[in-house]
Every structure is written in C-alpha cells, then in structure tokens.
C-alpha cells in the first residue's frame, strides 16, 4: 500500500467511501429480497399456469380424438386448414422492481364458429369443440410464455444483484477498510515519531540551556 496517500484527508475519504459502500450494500440486499419475493410469486404463477395448460392440452387432445372419430380425419384436417390464420402479438414491457419484464398484448385466440373460416353446415359439433379447446390452449401458452420470460428476467437480475452485493461485501469494503487501517497506522506511527523527535529536541534544548547557564 505504498502508493496510498497517508493523510488525514485520505483517511476521511476512505471512511466516507466505506459508509457509502455499506449503504449501497444494504440497498442492494433490500432490492434482492424484494426481487426474491416477486420471483416466488411469479414462480407460483408459472407452476399453476403449467398445471392448467397440461389439463387444457389433455382436454384438447381428447376433443381432437372425438372429432376424428365422429367427423373423420379428412374433415378435421379440412377444417383445420380453413381456420388457419395469424394471431397478432405485441410485446411491450413493464417495470417490476427496476427490472424490465415483457408484457404480451394479444388478440383473443378464442373465436366464434363463424370466424373460424370453415363451413358451419358441413362441420361437426365435435370439430367446433376441438377448435375451441385448442384455441384455449394457445391462449394459455402465450400467458405462460409471458410468465416464464418474467421469471427468467427476475432470476437474471437477482444473480446480477447478488454479484454486486458480494463484490461490495467481500472485495470493495474489505479493501477500503484495509486501506483506512493502513492510513491510520501510518498516521499513528508518524505521530509517535513526531512526539519522540519533539521530546529529543526538548531534551537537547534543556541541555543547551543548562550548559549556557552561569
């Protein structure tokens, strides 16, 4: 630490830096705790949406099997081709605990029978049921995708925050404390040396006065 300026001003600066670093660490730890709370909430949402999606997907597969059995595979395929279309999505963002998370804005996937594009007269009720079940599955997939993206962003931010906390706690603050201790030790040694020199000078002056006395 020979390059460190061992002055009282440098010591005061180190102490102020330590204070600011401690405050920063506390704020980051509070942020990490808040992010963890939000992460657990979103994780619970993902878990529930995943379970619901599995149930809806199973329902859709059952509906498809009934439609194939009742209306025929060719009729189902024809209706599927006729009802194909685009589902416009707009991805925005929202701020959660200082983290930008995606917000997916979508048109509803669920459509009426007339909006699906195939002939109402030539189709079967089972085809309508299968179409509605798969449209419901699509909506849930989009909702789940939004929740999973939020979960990933929160996890990434928690990791970044944890690294910053560890850097402050284990690197920067100990380094500043070590530098402050070094400066304090150097100042103490300098003060003791100055005090010793003053004592020597005082004794020398006293001896000189004694020698000059008549």
C-alpha atoms as a PDB file:
ATOM      1  CA  UNK A   1       0.000   0.000   0.000  1.00  0.00           C
ATOM      2  CA  UNK A   2       2.950   2.308  -0.568  1.00  0.00           C
ATOM      3  CA  UNK A   3       1.017   4.218  -3.251  1.00  0.00           C
ATOM      4  CA  UNK A   4      -1.712   5.235  -0.779  1.00  0.00           C
ATOM      5  CA  UNK A   5      -1.569   8.815   0.436  1.00  0.00           C
ATOM      6  CA  UNK A   6      -1.318   8.575   4.226  1.00  0.00           C
ATOM      7  CA  UNK A   7      -3.005  11.831   5.169  1.00  0.00           C
ATOM      8  CA  UNK A   8      -5.944  12.654   7.401  1.00  0.00           C
ATOM      9  CA  UNK A   9      -7.873  13.792   4.328  1.00  0.00           C
ATOM     10  CA  UNK A  10      -7.266  10.388   2.694  1.00  0.00           C
ATOM     11  CA  UNK A  11      -8.427   8.670   5.891  1.00  0.00           C
ATOM     12  CA  UNK A  12     -11.625  10.734   5.958  1.00  0.00           C
ATOM     13  CA  UNK A  13     -12.227   9.920   2.292  1.00  0.00           C
ATOM     14  CA  UNK A  14     -11.821   6.179   2.944  1.00  0.00           C
ATOM     15  CA  UNK A  15     -14.236   6.336   5.872  1.00  0.00           C
ATOM     16  CA  UNK A  16     -16.796   8.159   3.722  1.00  0.00           C
ATOM     17  CA  UNK A  17     -16.328   5.610   0.928  1.00  0.00           C
ATOM     18  CA  UNK A  18     -16.845   2.757   3.399  1.00  0.00           C
ATOM     19  CA  UNK A  19     -20.036   4.414   4.639  1.00  0.00           C
ATOM     20  CA  UNK A  20     -21.373   4.824   1.086  1.00  0.00           C
ATOM     21  CA  UNK A  21     -20.399   1.252   0.171  1.00  0.00           C
ATOM     22  CA  UNK A  22     -22.209  -0.093   3.245  1.00  0.00           C
ATOM     23  CA  UNK A  23     -25.314   1.922   2.346  1.00  0.00           C
ATOM     24  CA  UNK A  24     -25.128   0.614  -1.233  1.00  0.00           C
ATOM     25  CA  UNK A  25     -24.797  -2.965   0.014  1.00  0.00           C
ATOM     26  CA  UNK A  26     -27.836  -2.565   2.277  1.00  0.00           C
ATOM     27  CA  UNK A  27     -29.923  -1.127  -0.561  1.00  0.00           C
ATOM     28  CA  UNK A  28     -28.876  -3.930  -2.892  1.00  0.00           C
ATOM     29  CA  UNK A  29     -29.727  -6.533  -0.268  1.00  0.00           C
ATOM     30  CA  UNK A  30     -33.161  -4.946   0.156  1.00  0.00           C
ATOM     31  CA  UNK A  31     -33.602  -4.989  -3.621  1.00  0.00           C
ATOM     32  CA  UNK A  32     -32.552  -8.642  -3.772  1.00  0.00           C
ATOM     33  CA  UNK A  33     -35.054  -9.540  -1.040  1.00  0.00           C
ATOM     34  CA  UNK A  34     -37.845  -7.718  -2.904  1.00  0.00           C
ATOM     35  CA  UNK A  35     -36.875  -9.426  -6.165  1.00  0.00           C
ATOM     36  CA  UNK A  36     -36.876 -12.822  -4.450  1.00  0.00           C
ATOM     37  CA  UNK A  37     -40.378 -12.160  -3.151  1.00  0.00           C
ATOM     38  CA  UNK A  38     -41.549 -11.229  -6.654  1.00  0.00           C
ATOM     39  CA  UNK A  39     -39.708 -14.238  -8.095  1.00  0.00           C
ATOM     40  CA  UNK A  40     -41.551 -16.608  -5.763  1.00  0.00           C
ATOM     41  CA  UNK A  41     -44.866 -15.018  -6.710  1.00  0.00           C
ATOM     42  CA  UNK A  42     -44.164 -15.366 -10.446  1.00  0.00           C
ATOM     43  CA  UNK A  43     -42.816 -18.912  -9.957  1.00  0.00           C
ATOM     44  CA  UNK A  44     -46.080 -19.847  -8.248  1.00  0.00           C
ATOM     45  CA  UNK A  45     -47.979 -18.341 -11.189  1.00  0.00           C
ATOM     46  CA  UNK A  46     -45.860 -20.344 -13.663  1.00  0.00           C
ATOM     47  CA  UNK A  47     -46.470 -23.532 -11.686  1.00  0.00           C
ATOM     48  CA  UNK A  48     -50.232 -23.006 -11.646  1.00  0.00           C
ATOM     49  CA  UNK A  49     -50.372 -21.989 -15.323  1.00  0.00           C
ATOM     50  CA  UNK A  50     -48.315 -25.051 -16.270  1.00  0.00           C
ATOM     51  CA  UNK A  51     -50.718 -27.342 -14.436  1.00  0.00           C
ATOM     52  CA  UNK A  52     -53.698 -25.633 -16.080  1.00  0.00           C
ATOM     53  CA  UNK A  53     -52.058 -25.866 -19.505  1.00  0.00           C
ATOM     54  CA  UNK A  54     -51.467 -29.593 -19.053  1.00  0.00           C
ATOM     55  CA  UNK A  55     -55.131 -30.083 -18.216  1.00  0.00           C
ATOM     56  CA  UNK A  56     -56.317 -27.939 -21.135  1.00  0.00           C
ATOM     57  CA  UNK A  57     -53.904 -29.703 -23.511  1.00  0.00           C
ATOM     58  CA  UNK A  58     -55.266 -33.081 -22.406  1.00  0.00           C
ATOM     59  CA  UNK A  59     -58.804 -31.806 -22.970  1.00  0.00           C
ATOM     60  CA  UNK A  60     -57.835 -30.572 -26.455  1.00  0.00           C
ATOM     61  CA  UNK A  61     -56.305 -33.919 -27.363  1.00  0.00           C
ATOM     62  CA  UNK A  62     -59.468 -35.720 -26.202  1.00  0.00           C
ATOM     63  CA  UNK A  63     -61.617 -33.320 -28.212  1.00  0.00           C
ATOM     64  CA  UNK A  64     -59.444 -33.926 -31.280  1.00  0.00           C
ATOM     65  CA  UNK A  65     -59.763 -37.681 -30.865  1.00  0.00           C
ATOM     66  CA  UNK A  66     -63.564 -37.384 -30.660  1.00  0.00           C
ATOM     67  CA  UNK A  67     -63.655 -35.132 -33.723  1.00  0.00           C
ATOM     68  CA  UNK A  68     -61.530 -37.592 -35.713  1.00  0.00           C
ATOM     69  CA  UNK A  69     -63.789 -40.463 -34.637  1.00  0.00           C
ATOM     70  CA  UNK A  70     -67.111 -38.674 -35.243  1.00  0.00           C
ATOM     71  CA  UNK A  71     -66.406 -36.410 -38.228  1.00  0.00           C
ATOM     72  CA  UNK A  72     -63.473 -38.215 -39.786  1.00  0.00           C
ATOM     73  CA  UNK A  73     -59.806 -37.348 -40.085  1.00  0.00           C
ATOM     74  CA  UNK A  74     -60.189 -35.702 -43.504  1.00  0.00           C
ATOM     75  CA  UNK A  75     -62.989 -33.438 -42.315  1.00  0.00           C
ATOM     76  CA  UNK A  76     -60.907 -32.380 -39.302  1.00  0.00           C
ATOM     77  CA  UNK A  77     -57.886 -31.651 -41.490  1.00  0.00           C
ATOM     78  CA  UNK A  78     -60.022 -29.659 -43.924  1.00  0.00           C
ATOM     79  CA  UNK A  79     -61.479 -27.579 -41.093  1.00  0.00           C
ATOM     80  CA  UNK A  80     -58.014 -27.037 -39.635  1.00  0.00           C
ATOM     81  CA  UNK A  81     -56.664 -25.761 -42.961  1.00  0.00           C
ATOM     82  CA  UNK A  82     -59.670 -23.478 -43.442  1.00  0.00           C
ATOM     83  CA  UNK A  83     -59.326 -21.981 -39.971  1.00  0.00           C
ATOM     84  CA  UNK A  84     -55.619 -21.242 -40.183  1.00  0.00           C
ATOM     85  CA  UNK A  85     -54.743 -17.622 -39.577  1.00  0.00           C
ATOM     86  CA  UNK A  86     -52.356 -15.246 -37.859  1.00  0.00           C
ATOM     87  CA  UNK A  87     -52.551 -14.287 -34.215  1.00  0.00           C
ATOM     88  CA  UNK A  88     -51.020 -10.821 -33.867  1.00  0.00           C
ATOM     89  CA  UNK A  89     -48.920 -10.272 -30.763  1.00  0.00           C
ATOM     90  CA  UNK A  90     -47.451  -7.034 -29.446  1.00  0.00           C
ATOM     91  CA  UNK A  91     -44.644  -7.305 -26.921  1.00  0.00           C
ATOM     92  CA  UNK A  92     -44.219  -4.356 -24.603  1.00  0.00           C
ATOM     93  CA  UNK A  93     -42.511  -4.031 -21.261  1.00  0.00           C
ATOM     94  CA  UNK A  94     -43.303  -3.121 -17.693  1.00  0.00           C
ATOM     95  CA  UNK A  95     -41.066  -2.110 -14.810  1.00  0.00           C
ATOM     96  CA  UNK A  96     -41.041  -4.511 -11.870  1.00  0.00           C
ATOM     97  CA  UNK A  97     -38.620  -3.619  -9.041  1.00  0.00           C
ATOM     98  CA  UNK A  98     -36.446  -1.780 -11.543  1.00  0.00           C
ATOM     99  CA  UNK A  99     -36.435  -4.746 -13.930  1.00  0.00           C
ATOM    100  CA  UNK A 100     -37.982  -4.517 -17.388  1.00  0.00           C
ATOM    101  CA  UNK A 101     -40.238  -7.515 -17.898  1.00  0.00           C
ATOM    102  CA  UNK A 102     -42.164  -8.388 -21.072  1.00  0.00           C
ATOM    103  CA  UNK A 103     -45.865  -7.751 -21.444  1.00  0.00           C
ATOM    104  CA  UNK A 104     -47.504  -9.651 -24.298  1.00  0.00           C
ATOM    105  CA  UNK A 105     -50.584  -7.975 -25.714  1.00  0.00           C
ATOM    106  CA  UNK A 106     -52.590 -10.297 -27.913  1.00  0.00           C
ATOM    107  CA  UNK A 107     -55.849 -10.586 -29.767  1.00  0.00           C
ATOM    108  CA  UNK A 108     -58.039 -13.310 -28.274  1.00  0.00           C
ATOM    109  CA  UNK A 109     -57.317 -16.718 -29.712  1.00  0.00           C
ATOM    110  CA  UNK A 110     -60.847 -17.922 -28.933  1.00  0.00           C
ATOM    111  CA  UNK A 111     -63.146 -17.345 -31.908  1.00  0.00           C
ATOM    112  CA  UNK A 112     -66.754 -17.929 -32.715  1.00  0.00           C
ATOM    113  CA  UNK A 113     -67.728 -20.753 -35.049  1.00  0.00           C
ATOM    114  CA  UNK A 114     -68.422 -18.274 -37.871  1.00  0.00           C
ATOM    115  CA  UNK A 115     -64.971 -16.683 -37.514  1.00  0.00           C
ATOM    116  CA  UNK A 116     -63.050 -19.939 -37.954  1.00  0.00           C
ATOM    117  CA  UNK A 117     -63.387 -19.999 -41.716  1.00  0.00           C
ATOM    118  CA  UNK A 118     -64.828 -23.454 -42.323  1.00  0.00           C
ATOM    119  CA  UNK A 119     -68.392 -24.255 -43.332  1.00  0.00           C
ATOM    120  CA  UNK A 120     -70.754 -24.327 -40.395  1.00  0.00           C
ATOM    121  CA  UNK A 121     -73.222 -26.550 -42.235  1.00  0.00           C
ATOM    122  CA  UNK A 122     -70.636 -29.119 -43.310  1.00  0.00           C
ATOM    123  CA  UNK A 123     -68.819 -29.290 -39.995  1.00  0.00           C
ATOM    124  CA  UNK A 124     -69.489 -31.330 -36.885  1.00  0.00           C
ATOM    125  CA  UNK A 125     -70.089 -30.119 -33.362  1.00  0.00           C
ATOM    126  CA  UNK A 126     -67.079 -32.179 -32.299  1.00  0.00           C
ATOM    127  CA  UNK A 127     -64.885 -30.140 -34.693  1.00  0.00           C
ATOM    128  CA  UNK A 128     -66.117 -26.925 -33.059  1.00  0.00           C
ATOM    129  CA  UNK A 129     -65.339 -28.355 -29.639  1.00  0.00           C
ATOM    130  CA  UNK A 130     -61.835 -29.389 -30.711  1.00  0.00           C
ATOM    131  CA  UNK A 131     -61.185 -25.968 -32.272  1.00  0.00           C
ATOM    132  CA  UNK A 132     -62.317 -24.170 -29.112  1.00  0.00           C
ATOM    133  CA  UNK A 133     -60.165 -26.445 -26.931  1.00  0.00           C
ATOM    134  CA  UNK A 134     -57.018 -25.794 -28.981  1.00  0.00           C
ATOM    135  CA  UNK A 135     -57.690 -22.055 -29.090  1.00  0.00           C
ATOM    136  CA  UNK A 136     -57.939 -22.075 -25.309  1.00  0.00           C
ATOM    137  CA  UNK A 137     -54.621 -23.950 -25.206  1.00  0.00           C
ATOM    138  CA  UNK A 138     -52.965 -21.319 -27.418  1.00  0.00           C
ATOM    139  CA  UNK A 139     -54.098 -18.523 -25.096  1.00  0.00           C
ATOM    140  CA  UNK A 140     -52.672 -20.331 -22.090  1.00  0.00           C
ATOM    141  CA  UNK A 141     -49.377 -20.976 -23.901  1.00  0.00           C
ATOM    142  CA  UNK A 142     -48.998 -17.245 -24.534  1.00  0.00           C
ATOM    143  CA  UNK A 143     -49.803 -16.391 -20.917  1.00  0.00           C
ATOM    144  CA  UNK A 144     -47.309 -18.994 -19.720  1.00  0.00           C
ATOM    145  CA  UNK A 145     -44.644 -17.678 -22.094  1.00  0.00           C
ATOM    146  CA  UNK A 146     -45.067 -14.197 -20.596  1.00  0.00           C
ATOM    147  CA  UNK A 147     -44.772 -15.542 -17.055  1.00  0.00           C
ATOM    148  CA  UNK A 148     -41.711 -17.652 -17.899  1.00  0.00           C
ATOM    149  CA  UNK A 149     -39.995 -14.669 -19.535  1.00  0.00           C
ATOM    150  CA  UNK A 150     -40.678 -12.598 -16.409  1.00  0.00           C
ATOM    151  CA  UNK A 151     -39.263 -15.408 -14.280  1.00  0.00           C
ATOM    152  CA  UNK A 152     -36.057 -15.528 -16.338  1.00  0.00           C
ATOM    153  CA  UNK A 153     -35.587 -11.746 -16.221  1.00  0.00           C
ATOM    154  CA  UNK A 154     -36.079 -11.719 -12.451  1.00  0.00           C
ATOM    155  CA  UNK A 155     -33.640 -14.603 -11.980  1.00  0.00           C
ATOM    156  CA  UNK A 156     -31.023 -12.827 -14.105  1.00  0.00           C
ATOM    157  CA  UNK A 157     -31.468  -9.587 -12.135  1.00  0.00           C
ATOM    158  CA  UNK A 158     -31.219 -11.437  -8.813  1.00  0.00           C
ATOM    159  CA  UNK A 159     -27.954 -13.015  -9.967  1.00  0.00           C
ATOM    160  CA  UNK A 160     -26.585  -9.610 -11.027  1.00  0.00           C
ATOM    161  CA  UNK A 161     -27.653  -8.057  -7.726  1.00  0.00           C
ATOM    162  CA  UNK A 162     -26.093 -10.921  -5.757  1.00  0.00           C
ATOM    163  CA  UNK A 163     -22.789 -10.457  -7.605  1.00  0.00           C
ATOM    164  CA  UNK A 164     -22.804  -6.742  -6.803  1.00  0.00           C
ATOM    165  CA  UNK A 165     -23.571  -7.438  -3.131  1.00  0.00           C
ATOM    166  CA  UNK A 166     -20.744  -9.973  -2.949  1.00  0.00           C
ATOM    167  CA  UNK A 167     -18.333  -7.598  -4.683  1.00  0.00           C
ATOM    168  CA  UNK A 168     -19.126  -4.853  -2.160  1.00  0.00           C
ATOM    169  CA  UNK A 169     -19.148  -7.187   0.846  1.00  0.00           C
ATOM    170  CA  UNK A 170     -16.131  -9.343   0.023  1.00  0.00           C
ATOM    171  CA  UNK A 171     -13.916  -7.103  -2.130  1.00  0.00           C
ATOM    172  CA  UNK A 172     -14.540  -3.359  -2.066  1.00  0.00           C
ATOM    173  CA  UNK A 173     -15.476  -2.826   1.596  1.00  0.00           C
ATOM    174  CA  UNK A 174     -12.644  -5.044   2.980  1.00  0.00           C
ATOM    175  CA  UNK A 175     -10.190  -3.273   0.662  1.00  0.00           C
ATOM    176  CA  UNK A 176     -11.336   0.170   1.822  1.00  0.00           C
ATOM    177  CA  UNK A 177     -11.217  -0.945   5.456  1.00  0.00           C
ATOM    178  CA  UNK A 178      -7.694  -2.302   4.983  1.00  0.00           C
ATOM    179  CA  UNK A 179      -6.593   0.963   3.363  1.00  0.00           C
ATOM    180  CA  UNK A 180      -8.189   3.002   6.154  1.00  0.00           C
ATOM    181  CA  UNK A 181      -6.456   0.826   8.762  1.00  0.00           C
ATOM    182  CA  UNK A 182      -3.127   1.239   6.945  1.00  0.00           C
ATOM    183  CA  UNK A 183      -3.517   5.014   6.776  1.00  0.00           C
ATOM    184  CA  UNK A 184      -4.495   5.140  10.466  1.00  0.00           C
ATOM    185  CA  UNK A 185      -1.491   3.009  11.408  1.00  0.00           C
ATOM    186  CA  UNK A 186       0.829   5.205   9.335  1.00  0.00           C
ATOM    187  CA  UNK A 187      -0.585   8.366  10.934  1.00  0.00           C
ATOM    188  CA  UNK A 188      -0.183   6.868  14.405  1.00  0.00           C
ATOM    189  CA  UNK A 189       3.412   5.902  13.679  1.00  0.00           C
ATOM    190  CA  UNK A 190       4.097   9.353  12.275  1.00  0.00           C
ATOM    191  CA  UNK A 191       2.531  10.960  15.342  1.00  0.00           C
ATOM    192  CA  UNK A 192       4.650   8.800  17.664  1.00  0.00           C
ATOM    193  CA  UNK A 193       7.788   9.635  15.654  1.00  0.00           C
ATOM    194  CA  UNK A 194       6.973  13.363  15.772  1.00  0.00           C
ATOM    195  CA  UNK A 195       6.326  13.128  19.502  1.00  0.00           C
ATOM    196  CA  UNK A 196       9.645  11.317  20.016  1.00  0.00           C
ATOM    197  CA  UNK A 197      11.525  13.943  17.960  1.00  0.00           C
ATOM    198  CA  UNK A 198       9.890  16.712  19.990  1.00  0.00           C
ATOM    199  CA  UNK A 199      10.996  15.039  23.194  1.00  0.00           C
ATOM    200  CA  UNK A 200      14.563  14.754  21.857  1.00  0.00           C
ATOM    201  CA  UNK A 201      14.511  18.373  20.748  1.00  0.00           C
ATOM    202  CA  UNK A 202      13.180  19.453  24.154  1.00  0.00           C
ATOM    203  CA  UNK A 203      15.887  17.498  25.966  1.00  0.00           C
ATOM    204  CA  UNK A 204      18.571  18.924  23.674  1.00  0.00           C
ATOM    205  CA  UNK A 205      17.265  22.429  24.326  1.00  0.00           C
ATOM    206  CA  UNK A 206      17.246  21.819  28.052  1.00  0.00           C
ATOM    207  CA  UNK A 207      20.842  20.531  27.964  1.00  0.00           C
ATOM    208  CA  UNK A 208      21.914  23.546  25.932  1.00  0.00           C
ATOM    209  CA  UNK A 209      20.270  25.942  28.390  1.00  0.00           C
ATOM    210  CA  UNK A 210      21.885  24.110  31.286  1.00  0.00           C
ATOM    211  CA  UNK A 211      25.301  24.325  29.641  1.00  0.00           C
ATOM    212  CA  UNK A 212      24.890  28.057  28.955  1.00  0.00           C
ATOM    213  CA  UNK A 213      23.703  28.838  32.470  1.00  0.00           C
ATOM    214  CA  UNK A 214      26.329  30.699  34.664  1.00  0.00           C
END
